[in-house]
Every structure is written in C-alpha cells, then in structure tokens.
Amino acid sequence: MKNMYVVRDQKRCARAQTWQLVFLAFVLIVVTLFSLYSLISVKKTINQTTNQGEPQKFPKWVINANYVPVSADDKILSYSEQLALDLVNKMAASGKIVAQKVNVSSSNVSRSAGNDKSKISCWRTLDMKPDEEGVIGELAGRLRVAHNIVVRGRVNEKPKSFKVQLLMGKNHGVALHLNPRFNESGDRNVFVRNSHLAGSWGLEERQQLGDFPFAPNIYFEMIIRCDAGSFNVSVLSVDLNYKYRASLDMITHVRVHGDMTLIDVKHM
C-alpha cells in the first residue's frame, strides 16, 4: 500500500514538472516574439532616419505651365487646395525625420513693392475707404493672370442686393460687376455679371441658381480668379466664368457696396 502512494506522488510530481516546463516554454516563446518585434521596429526606425546609400523619395509639389500645383504622382489639387498653397508663409517639420535640405523656389511668388527679394508677399489686404457709393480700395499693383481677389463679408438681415466691382480707375469704367440679387421679382435669387465700358452697360450675364451661395446673416467668401481668358468667380459650390471685356492691367481698384457688411478684401 505504501508503495502505491509513493508511485502516485511520483506521477503527480512528474505531471507538475511537465506543466511547469510547458509554461516556461510558452513564456520563452512570448518573450522571443516580443524581442523580434522590437528589433524589427527599431530597424525600421533606423532605416527611416538614416541614409543608407539610396536616395530617399520625398513628397514634392511643383507648379506646372498652367499655374496648377501638382504632386509627384500628378495629383491635381482642388481649387481650395491651390488657394491654400498661396497662403503658406511658414513651414514646420516634426517627428522621426532628419532634415537634409529645403529648397524654396520663388519664381511664381509675387514680391512686395520695390522688388525686394528679402520680402516675399503672398497676399495683401486692401485699405478700403468710404466713397460716394460704398467702400473702395486701390490695388498695390495691376492684376495679372493667376492673381486672385478674395472678398469676405456677411449678408445683411433683409438684403435686396449687393455689388462687388473691379474698376479701371475710380471713374473710368467697371471691368467686372458682380451683383447677387435676392428675391428678384419676388421669387428668384439671381447672380448677375456685367461690365460698364465707354459710358454704357454691356449685356448682362444672369445665372438663376437653385443652390444660391448667399443667405441673410450668413458669412461668405467670394474668390475672383484671373484665368487666361476669363474671370473665374467661386463662392462655396458655385463656380462661374466671365470672359474679359477689358484688359486686366487696366484694373486698379475694388469697390464693394450694397446690403452686406464687408470684412476684408485681399489681393493674392
């Protein structure tokens, strides 16, 4: 009987030792896998932060012949992204990188007055002053293709209409007349474009929009872009073109008046 108990104890001890060995093997496998994962992660980090003889590929933005920023994979930016690039004036980098070289090409950047290469200006805020019709501001330089005029404001509570005009001098004509009209004839919202040249108005271009981009008490941003053959007027999802009826370099002032409160006018 005594021998029987001894044999049972030995079997229990053997089973216990077996489970201990299995547990230790499991722990060893887990530790080994974790160590391998850590080594692989460290190696990847080192590869990313050191130059190992092969040139690294960095994202690059360029301006093509049509003044459209494109990436290395020829992804064309949306208009909002293009405008955002025009507003960039600082650059920052952080994280697991090693800065090697930064090149800034200023061939397409407008410079401040006097062509001072140390002063690069992406945009200017016009000094808008009251006149007999509304407020008027003089451009620092003449308009060119790829320039932008950005008008920001808020529509009044009970609007009938307001006007944004690009003038050829204060009294020499209106190259571009933008006139959003609210509830014209009692039930229509219309966006009118026209020019006033040689003492008379031209043929109106009228757009009755189902998705009118202006509303009472709502802020808006109107972007007037000078394309190769026409103005491109963009407000929210509305995008309209108006062919030039006067030369861009004759435009000297911007006038705003009507049922809206002006925030600012920028020339980019």
C-alpha atoms as a PDB file:
ATOM      1  CA  MET A   1       0.000   0.000   0.000  1.00  0.00           C
ATOM      2  CA  LYS A   2       2.822   2.314   0.908  1.00  0.00           C
ATOM      3  CA  ASN A   3       4.492   1.714  -2.440  1.00  0.00           C
ATOM      4  CA  MET A   4       1.208   2.545  -4.195  1.00  0.00           C
ATOM      5  CA  TYR A   5       1.114   6.005  -2.552  1.00  0.00           C
ATOM      6  CA  VAL A   6       4.738   6.592  -3.457  1.00  0.00           C
ATOM      7  CA  VAL A   7       4.037   5.806  -7.109  1.00  0.00           C
ATOM      8  CA  ARG A   8       1.037   8.204  -7.130  1.00  0.00           C
ATOM      9  CA  ASP A   9       3.144  11.019  -5.635  1.00  0.00           C
ATOM     10  CA  GLN A  10       5.820  10.470  -8.226  1.00  0.00           C
ATOM     11  CA  LYS A  11       3.256  10.674 -11.033  1.00  0.00           C
ATOM     12  CA  ARG A  12       1.819  13.893  -9.591  1.00  0.00           C
ATOM     13  CA  CYS A  13       5.289  15.408  -9.344  1.00  0.00           C
ATOM     14  CA  ALA A  14       6.037  14.374 -12.917  1.00  0.00           C
ATOM     15  CA  ARG A  15       2.807  15.966 -14.173  1.00  0.00           C
ATOM     16  CA  ALA A  16       3.517  19.148 -12.226  1.00  0.00           C
ATOM     17  CA  GLN A  17       7.021  19.354 -13.642  1.00  0.00           C
ATOM     18  CA  THR A  18       5.632  18.786 -17.155  1.00  0.00           C
ATOM     19  CA  TRP A  19       3.159  21.685 -16.799  1.00  0.00           C
ATOM     20  CA  GLN A  20       5.902  23.888 -15.413  1.00  0.00           C
ATOM     21  CA  LEU A  21       8.088  23.103 -18.408  1.00  0.00           C
ATOM     22  CA  VAL A  22       5.191  23.835 -20.787  1.00  0.00           C
ATOM     23  CA  PHE A  23       4.518  27.149 -19.028  1.00  0.00           C
ATOM     24  CA  LEU A  24       8.195  28.126 -19.154  1.00  0.00           C
ATOM     25  CA  ALA A  25       8.344  27.231 -22.849  1.00  0.00           C
ATOM     26  CA  PHE A  26       5.275  29.386 -23.517  1.00  0.00           C
ATOM     27  CA  VAL A  27       6.798  32.336 -21.653  1.00  0.00           C
ATOM     28  CA  LEU A  28      10.045  31.884 -23.564  1.00  0.00           C
ATOM     29  CA  ILE A  29       8.211  31.901 -26.909  1.00  0.00           C
ATOM     30  CA  VAL A  30       6.283  35.076 -25.984  1.00  0.00           C
ATOM     31  CA  VAL A  31       9.473  36.856 -24.877  1.00  0.00           C
ATOM     32  CA  THR A  32      11.255  35.788 -28.065  1.00  0.00           C
ATOM     33  CA  LEU A  33       8.445  37.043 -30.307  1.00  0.00           C
ATOM     34  CA  PHE A  34       8.279  40.360 -28.443  1.00  0.00           C
ATOM     35  CA  SER A  35      12.047  40.773 -28.776  1.00  0.00           C
ATOM     36  CA  LEU A  36      11.899  40.078 -32.518  1.00  0.00           C
ATOM     37  CA  TYR A  37       9.069  42.612 -32.929  1.00  0.00           C
ATOM     38  CA  SER A  38      11.081  45.230 -31.018  1.00  0.00           C
ATOM     39  CA  LEU A  39      14.171  44.597 -33.151  1.00  0.00           C
ATOM     40  CA  ILE A  40      12.165  44.903 -36.374  1.00  0.00           C
ATOM     41  CA  SER A  41      10.577  48.172 -35.190  1.00  0.00           C
ATOM     42  CA  VAL A  42      13.962  49.632 -34.253  1.00  0.00           C
ATOM     43  CA  LYS A  43      15.396  48.593 -37.624  1.00  0.00           C
ATOM     44  CA  LYS A  44      12.540  50.287 -39.471  1.00  0.00           C
ATOM     45  CA  THR A  45      13.074  53.467 -37.442  1.00  0.00           C
ATOM     46  CA  ILE A  46      16.792  53.445 -38.217  1.00  0.00           C
ATOM     47  CA  ASN A  47      16.098  52.904 -41.925  1.00  0.00           C
ATOM     48  CA  GLN A  48      13.711  55.849 -41.923  1.00  0.00           C
ATOM     49  CA  THR A  49      16.062  58.243 -40.139  1.00  0.00           C
ATOM     50  CA  THR A  50      19.366  57.377 -41.815  1.00  0.00           C
ATOM     51  CA  ASN A  51      20.608  57.491 -45.366  1.00  0.00           C
ATOM     52  CA  GLN A  52      21.847  54.047 -46.414  1.00  0.00           C
ATOM     53  CA  GLY A  53      23.182  54.948 -49.826  1.00  0.00           C
ATOM     54  CA  GLU A  54      19.852  55.037 -51.719  1.00  0.00           C
ATOM     55  CA  PRO A  55      18.235  58.432 -52.337  1.00  0.00           C
ATOM     56  CA  GLN A  56      15.070  58.833 -50.320  1.00  0.00           C
ATOM     57  CA  LYS A  57      11.879  59.885 -52.089  1.00  0.00           C
ATOM     58  CA  PHE A  58      10.347  62.980 -50.530  1.00  0.00           C
ATOM     59  CA  PRO A  59       6.936  64.405 -51.473  1.00  0.00           C
ATOM     60  CA  LYS A  60       7.354  67.301 -53.894  1.00  0.00           C
ATOM     61  CA  TRP A  61       4.921  69.947 -55.110  1.00  0.00           C
ATOM     62  CA  VAL A  62       5.578  71.838 -58.336  1.00  0.00           C
ATOM     63  CA  ILE A  63       3.709  74.474 -60.355  1.00  0.00           C
ATOM     64  CA  ASN A  64       3.031  73.378 -63.920  1.00  0.00           C
ATOM     65  CA  ALA A  65       2.727  75.593 -67.017  1.00  0.00           C
ATOM     66  CA  ASN A  66      -0.945  76.308 -66.256  1.00  0.00           C
ATOM     67  CA  TYR A  67      -0.115  77.508 -62.720  1.00  0.00           C
ATOM     68  CA  VAL A  68      -1.689  74.385 -61.217  1.00  0.00           C
ATOM     69  CA  PRO A  69       0.166  72.806 -58.263  1.00  0.00           C
ATOM     70  CA  VAL A  70       0.679  69.089 -58.844  1.00  0.00           C
ATOM     71  CA  SER A  71       2.346  66.367 -56.814  1.00  0.00           C
ATOM     72  CA  ALA A  72       4.962  63.829 -57.878  1.00  0.00           C
ATOM     73  CA  ASP A  73       2.191  61.379 -58.792  1.00  0.00           C
ATOM     74  CA  ASP A  74       0.426  64.061 -60.899  1.00  0.00           C
ATOM     75  CA  LYS A  75      -2.429  64.507 -58.432  1.00  0.00           C
ATOM     76  CA  ILE A  76      -4.159  67.759 -59.393  1.00  0.00           C
ATOM     77  CA  LEU A  77      -5.179  69.839 -56.400  1.00  0.00           C
ATOM     78  CA  SER A  78      -8.671  71.222 -55.981  1.00  0.00           C
ATOM     79  CA  TYR A  79      -9.163  74.991 -56.184  1.00  0.00           C
ATOM     80  CA  SER A  80      -9.335  75.268 -52.377  1.00  0.00           C
ATOM     81  CA  GLU A  81      -6.034  73.378 -52.056  1.00  0.00           C
ATOM     82  CA  GLN A  82      -4.429  75.632 -54.657  1.00  0.00           C
ATOM     83  CA  LEU A  83      -5.583  78.703 -52.746  1.00  0.00           C
ATOM     84  CA  ALA A  84      -4.280  77.214 -49.503  1.00  0.00           C
ATOM     85  CA  LEU A  85      -0.814  76.935 -51.071  1.00  0.00           C
ATOM     86  CA  ASP A  86      -0.932  80.655 -51.892  1.00  0.00           C
ATOM     87  CA  LEU A  87      -1.432  81.404 -48.187  1.00  0.00           C
ATOM     88  CA  VAL A  88       1.544  79.366 -46.962  1.00  0.00           C
ATOM     89  CA  ASN A  89       4.233  81.531 -45.329  1.00  0.00           C
ATOM     90  CA  LYS A  90       5.851  79.139 -42.811  1.00  0.00           C
ATOM     91  CA  MET A  91       6.955  75.523 -42.769  1.00  0.00           C
ATOM     92  CA  ALA A  92       7.447  73.162 -39.833  1.00  0.00           C
ATOM     93  CA  ALA A  93       8.596  69.540 -39.571  1.00  0.00           C
ATOM     94  CA  SER A  94       8.451  67.209 -36.587  1.00  0.00           C
ATOM     95  CA  GLY A  95       8.636  63.533 -35.730  1.00  0.00           C
ATOM     96  CA  LYS A  96      11.144  60.836 -36.637  1.00  0.00           C
ATOM     97  CA  ILE A  97      12.819  62.602 -39.549  1.00  0.00           C
ATOM     98  CA  VAL A  98      16.217  64.012 -40.367  1.00  0.00           C
ATOM     99  CA  ALA A  99      16.008  67.297 -42.303  1.00  0.00           C
ATOM    100  CA  GLN A 100      18.505  67.185 -45.151  1.00  0.00           C
ATOM    101  CA  LYS A 101      17.740  70.052 -47.492  1.00  0.00           C
ATOM    102  CA  VAL A 102      14.919  72.525 -48.142  1.00  0.00           C
ATOM    103  CA  ASN A 103      14.681  74.345 -51.463  1.00  0.00           C
ATOM    104  CA  VAL A 104      12.337  77.309 -51.943  1.00  0.00           C
ATOM    105  CA  SER A 105      11.657  78.400 -55.491  1.00  0.00           C
ATOM    106  CA  SER A 106      10.208  81.908 -55.684  1.00  0.00           C
ATOM    107  CA  SER A 107       9.754  82.184 -59.458  1.00  0.00           C
ATOM    108  CA  ASN A 108       5.951  82.135 -59.103  1.00  0.00           C
ATOM    109  CA  VAL A 109       5.699  84.169 -55.897  1.00  0.00           C
ATOM    110  CA  SER A 110       4.685  87.829 -56.099  1.00  0.00           C
ATOM    111  CA  ARG A 111       7.171  90.155 -54.419  1.00  0.00           C
ATOM    112  CA  SER A 112       6.490  93.299 -52.461  1.00  0.00           C
ATOM    113  CA  ALA A 113       6.917  96.765 -53.888  1.00  0.00           C
ATOM    114  CA  GLY A 114      10.438  97.639 -54.954  1.00  0.00           C
ATOM    115  CA  ASN A 115      11.193  94.019 -55.981  1.00  0.00           C
ATOM    116  CA  ASP A 116      12.986  93.470 -52.668  1.00  0.00           C
ATOM    117  CA  LYS A 117      13.977  89.782 -52.774  1.00  0.00           C
ATOM    118  CA  SER A 118      14.108  89.634 -48.991  1.00  0.00           C
ATOM    119  CA  LYS A 119      10.383  90.393 -48.739  1.00  0.00           C
ATOM    120  CA  ILE A 120       8.052  87.844 -50.302  1.00  0.00           C
ATOM    121  CA  SER A 121       4.343  88.600 -50.054  1.00  0.00           C
ATOM    122  CA  CYS A 122       1.631  86.024 -50.717  1.00  0.00           C
ATOM    123  CA  TRP A 123      -1.278  88.427 -50.293  1.00  0.00           C
ATOM    124  CA  ARG A 124      -2.156  91.998 -49.426  1.00  0.00           C
ATOM    125  CA  THR A 125      -5.192  93.353 -47.585  1.00  0.00           C
ATOM    126  CA  LEU A 126      -6.660  96.356 -49.369  1.00  0.00           C
ATOM    127  CA  ASP A 127      -7.224  99.563 -47.445  1.00  0.00           C
ATOM    128  CA  MET A 128     -10.957 100.027 -48.067  1.00  0.00           C
ATOM    129  CA  LYS A 129     -12.187 103.601 -47.630  1.00  0.00           C
ATOM    130  CA  PRO A 130     -15.711 105.097 -47.929  1.00  0.00           C
ATOM    131  CA  ASP A 131     -16.683 106.787 -51.173  1.00  0.00           C
ATOM    132  CA  GLU A 132     -19.952 108.099 -52.643  1.00  0.00           C
ATOM    133  CA  GLU A 133     -21.279 104.605 -53.386  1.00  0.00           C
ATOM    134  CA  GLY A 134     -19.764 102.274 -50.785  1.00  0.00           C
ATOM    135  CA  VAL A 135     -16.160 101.450 -49.918  1.00  0.00           C
ATOM    136  CA  ILE A 136     -13.245 101.409 -52.343  1.00  0.00           C
ATOM    137  CA  GLY A 137      -9.668 100.153 -52.175  1.00  0.00           C
ATOM    138  CA  GLU A 138      -6.716 100.555 -54.514  1.00  0.00           C
ATOM    139  CA  LEU A 139      -4.695  97.553 -55.652  1.00  0.00           C
ATOM    140  CA  ALA A 140      -0.989  97.686 -54.816  1.00  0.00           C
ATOM    141  CA  GLY A 141      -0.213  96.505 -58.368  1.00  0.00           C
ATOM    142  CA  ARG A 142      -2.140  95.759 -61.523  1.00  0.00           C
ATOM    143  CA  LEU A 143      -3.937  92.461 -61.930  1.00  0.00           C
ATOM    144  CA  ARG A 144      -2.242  89.632 -63.825  1.00  0.00           C
ATOM    145  CA  VAL A 145      -3.211  86.134 -64.893  1.00  0.00           C
ATOM    146  CA  ALA A 146      -3.220  83.778 -61.853  1.00  0.00           C
ATOM    147  CA  HIS A 147      -3.932  86.638 -59.418  1.00  0.00           C
ATOM    148  CA  ASN A 148      -6.894  86.396 -57.034  1.00  0.00           C
ATOM    149  CA  ILE A 149      -9.213  88.883 -55.383  1.00  0.00           C
ATOM    150  CA  VAL A 150     -10.857  87.488 -52.231  1.00  0.00           C
ATOM    151  CA  VAL A 151     -13.853  89.338 -50.746  1.00  0.00           C
ATOM    152  CA  ARG A 152     -15.154  88.283 -47.344  1.00  0.00           C
ATOM    153  CA  GLY A 153     -18.283  89.632 -45.717  1.00  0.00           C
ATOM    154  CA  ARG A 154     -21.678  88.949 -44.188  1.00  0.00           C
ATOM    155  CA  VAL A 155     -25.018  89.465 -45.919  1.00  0.00           C
ATOM    156  CA  ASN A 156     -27.421  91.791 -44.111  1.00  0.00           C
ATOM    157  CA  GLU A 157     -30.605  90.557 -42.431  1.00  0.00           C
ATOM    158  CA  LYS A 158     -33.024  91.723 -45.154  1.00  0.00           C
ATOM    159  CA  PRO A 159     -30.954  92.034 -48.322  1.00  0.00           C
ATOM    160  CA  LYS A 160     -32.062  93.133 -51.783  1.00  0.00           C
ATOM    161  CA  SER A 161     -28.667  93.059 -53.484  1.00  0.00           C
ATOM    162  CA  PHE A 162     -25.010  93.960 -53.155  1.00  0.00           C
ATOM    163  CA  LYS A 163     -22.210  94.644 -55.644  1.00  0.00           C
ATOM    164  CA  VAL A 164     -18.539  93.808 -55.978  1.00  0.00           C
ATOM    165  CA  GLN A 165     -16.812  95.735 -58.769  1.00  0.00           C
ATOM    166  CA  LEU A 166     -13.330  95.745 -60.295  1.00  0.00           C
ATOM    167  CA  LEU A 167     -12.745  99.300 -61.521  1.00  0.00           C
ATOM    168  CA  MET A 168     -10.471 100.820 -64.168  1.00  0.00           C
ATOM    169  CA  GLY A 169      -9.592 103.870 -62.099  1.00  0.00           C
ATOM    170  CA  LYS A 170     -12.232 105.475 -59.920  1.00  0.00           C
ATOM    171  CA  ASN A 171     -14.262 106.910 -62.801  1.00  0.00           C
ATOM    172  CA  HIS A 172     -13.116 105.115 -65.962  1.00  0.00           C
ATOM    173  CA  GLY A 173     -15.367 102.107 -66.136  1.00  0.00           C
ATOM    174  CA  VAL A 174     -16.178  98.785 -64.470  1.00  0.00           C
ATOM    175  CA  ALA A 175     -14.291  95.793 -65.847  1.00  0.00           C
ATOM    176  CA  LEU A 176     -16.265  93.332 -63.714  1.00  0.00           C
ATOM    177  CA  HIS A 177     -19.600  93.950 -61.991  1.00  0.00           C
ATOM    178  CA  LEU A 178     -20.798  91.140 -59.688  1.00  0.00           C
ATOM    179  CA  ASN A 179     -24.338  91.626 -58.408  1.00  0.00           C
ATOM    180  CA  PRO A 180     -26.115  88.974 -56.309  1.00  0.00           C
ATOM    181  CA  ARG A 181     -29.822  89.833 -56.171  1.00  0.00           C
ATOM    182  CA  PHE A 182     -32.190  88.405 -53.585  1.00  0.00           C
ATOM    183  CA  ASN A 183     -35.828  87.609 -54.400  1.00  0.00           C
ATOM    184  CA  GLU A 184     -35.781  89.424 -57.714  1.00  0.00           C
ATOM    185  CA  SER A 185     -39.372  89.679 -58.976  1.00  0.00           C
ATOM    186  CA  GLY A 186     -40.395  88.314 -55.601  1.00  0.00           C
ATOM    187  CA  ASP A 187     -39.246  84.713 -56.012  1.00  0.00           C
ATOM    188  CA  ARG A 188     -35.820  84.447 -57.629  1.00  0.00           C
ATOM    189  CA  ASN A 189     -32.222  84.673 -56.464  1.00  0.00           C
ATOM    190  CA  VAL A 190     -30.026  85.774 -59.382  1.00  0.00           C
ATOM    191  CA  PHE A 191     -26.272  86.255 -59.762  1.00  0.00           C
ATOM    192  CA  VAL A 192     -25.671  88.981 -62.378  1.00  0.00           C
ATOM    193  CA  ARG A 193     -22.341  89.751 -64.094  1.00  0.00           C
ATOM    194  CA  ASN A 194     -21.659  92.689 -66.399  1.00  0.00           C
ATOM    195  CA  SER A 195     -19.224  95.448 -67.398  1.00  0.00           C
ATOM    196  CA  HIS A 196     -19.641  99.225 -67.742  1.00  0.00           C
ATOM    197  CA  LEU A 197     -17.348 100.430 -70.533  1.00  0.00           C
ATOM    198  CA  ALA A 198     -17.285 103.607 -72.620  1.00  0.00           C
ATOM    199  CA  GLY A 199     -20.133 105.051 -70.589  1.00  0.00           C
ATOM    200  CA  SER A 200     -22.647 102.241 -71.032  1.00  0.00           C
ATOM    201  CA  TRP A 201     -23.517  98.849 -69.604  1.00  0.00           C
ATOM    202  CA  GLY A 202     -22.929  95.747 -71.658  1.00  0.00           C
ATOM    203  CA  LEU A 203     -25.054  92.619 -71.991  1.00  0.00           C
ATOM    204  CA  GLU A 204     -25.874  91.069 -68.613  1.00  0.00           C
ATOM    205  CA  GLU A 205     -24.898  87.507 -67.869  1.00  0.00           C
ATOM    206  CA  ARG A 206     -27.511  86.190 -65.455  1.00  0.00           C
ATOM    207  CA  GLN A 207     -27.466  82.979 -63.501  1.00  0.00           C
ATOM    208  CA  GLN A 208     -30.550  81.835 -61.595  1.00  0.00           C
ATOM    209  CA  LEU A 209     -29.079  79.399 -59.097  1.00  0.00           C
ATOM    210  CA  GLY A 210     -31.013  76.709 -57.281  1.00  0.00           C
ATOM    211  CA  ASP A 211     -28.224  76.468 -54.710  1.00  0.00           C
ATOM    212  CA  PHE A 212     -27.733  80.209 -54.145  1.00  0.00           C
ATOM    213  CA  PRO A 213     -24.433  80.733 -52.255  1.00  0.00           C
ATOM    214  CA  PHE A 214     -25.603  83.816 -50.319  1.00  0.00           C
ATOM    215  CA  ALA A 215     -28.142  83.985 -47.493  1.00  0.00           C
ATOM    216  CA  PRO A 216     -29.254  86.624 -44.947  1.00  0.00           C
ATOM    217  CA  ASN A 217     -26.993  86.924 -41.878  1.00  0.00           C
ATOM    218  CA  ILE A 218     -24.550  84.377 -43.333  1.00  0.00           C
ATOM    219  CA  TYR A 219     -20.827  84.948 -43.879  1.00  0.00           C
ATOM    220  CA  PHE A 220     -19.400  84.355 -47.354  1.00  0.00           C
ATOM    221  CA  GLU A 221     -16.058  84.288 -49.167  1.00  0.00           C
ATOM    222  CA  MET A 222     -16.028  85.240 -52.850  1.00  0.00           C
ATOM    223  CA  ILE A 223     -12.897  84.318 -54.817  1.00  0.00           C
ATOM    224  CA  ILE A 224     -12.285  86.080 -58.144  1.00  0.00           C
ATOM    225  CA  ARG A 225      -9.505  84.326 -60.020  1.00  0.00           C
ATOM    226  CA  CYS A 226      -7.883  85.768 -63.137  1.00  0.00           C
ATOM    227  CA  ASP A 227      -7.584  82.916 -65.611  1.00  0.00           C
ATOM    228  CA  ALA A 228      -6.052  83.058 -69.098  1.00  0.00           C
ATOM    229  CA  GLY A 229      -9.203  84.314 -70.864  1.00  0.00           C
ATOM    230  CA  SER A 230     -11.791  84.962 -68.180  1.00  0.00           C
ATOM    231  CA  PHE A 231     -12.569  85.679 -64.562  1.00  0.00           C
ATOM    232  CA  ASN A 232     -13.488  82.639 -62.503  1.00  0.00           C
ATOM    233  CA  VAL A 233     -15.867  83.535 -59.654  1.00  0.00           C
ATOM    234  CA  SER A 234     -16.160  80.947 -56.886  1.00  0.00           C
ATOM    235  CA  VAL A 235     -18.465  81.045 -53.840  1.00  0.00           C
ATOM    236  CA  LEU A 236     -18.997  77.798 -51.925  1.00  0.00           C
ATOM    237  CA  SER A 237     -20.100  75.216 -54.521  1.00  0.00           C
ATOM    238  CA  VAL A 238     -20.898  77.839 -57.197  1.00  0.00           C
ATOM    239  CA  ASP A 239     -18.259  78.306 -59.902  1.00  0.00           C
ATOM    240  CA  LEU A 240     -18.904  80.839 -62.718  1.00  0.00           C
ATOM    241  CA  ASN A 241     -16.803  82.206 -65.580  1.00  0.00           C
ATOM    242  CA  TYR A 242     -16.951  85.669 -67.163  1.00  0.00           C
ATOM    243  CA  LYS A 243     -14.877  86.419 -70.268  1.00  0.00           C
ATOM    244  CA  TYR A 244     -12.715  89.529 -70.142  1.00  0.00           C
ATOM    245  CA  ARG A 245     -14.223  92.636 -71.723  1.00  0.00           C
ATOM    246  CA  ALA A 246     -11.309  94.856 -70.677  1.00  0.00           C
ATOM    247  CA  SER A 247      -7.598  94.317 -70.163  1.00  0.00           C
ATOM    248  CA  LEU A 248      -6.539  93.059 -66.715  1.00  0.00           C
ATOM    249  CA  ASP A 249      -3.719  95.593 -66.396  1.00  0.00           C
ATOM    250  CA  MET A 250      -6.258  98.446 -66.585  1.00  0.00           C
ATOM    251  CA  ILE A 251      -7.927  97.354 -63.302  1.00  0.00           C
ATOM    252  CA  THR A 252      -6.776  99.499 -60.389  1.00  0.00           C
ATOM    253  CA  HIS A 253      -9.500  99.473 -57.684  1.00  0.00           C
ATOM    254  CA  VAL A 254     -12.087  97.259 -55.971  1.00  0.00           C
ATOM    255  CA  ARG A 255     -15.415  98.706 -54.842  1.00  0.00           C
ATOM    256  CA  VAL A 256     -17.983  96.968 -52.586  1.00  0.00           C
ATOM    257  CA  HIS A 257     -21.425  98.321 -51.705  1.00  0.00           C
ATOM    258  CA  GLY A 258     -24.970  97.197 -51.004  1.00  0.00           C
ATOM    259  CA  ASP A 259     -26.727  95.052 -48.433  1.00  0.00           C
ATOM    260  CA  MET A 260     -23.706  93.392 -46.816  1.00  0.00           C
ATOM    261  CA  THR A 261     -21.094  94.085 -44.155  1.00  0.00           C
ATOM    262  CA  LEU A 262     -17.559  93.865 -45.512  1.00  0.00           C
ATOM    263  CA  ILE A 263     -14.872  92.055 -43.512  1.00  0.00           C
ATOM    264  CA  ASP A 264     -11.898  92.498 -45.852  1.00  0.00           C
ATOM    265  CA  VAL A 265     -10.638  92.353 -49.433  1.00  0.00           C
ATOM    266  CA  LYS A 266      -7.360  90.598 -50.261  1.00  0.00           C
ATOM    267  CA  HIS A 267      -5.225  90.646 -53.387  1.00  0.00           C
ATOM    268  CA  MET A 268      -3.217  87.475 -53.951  1.00  0.00           C
END
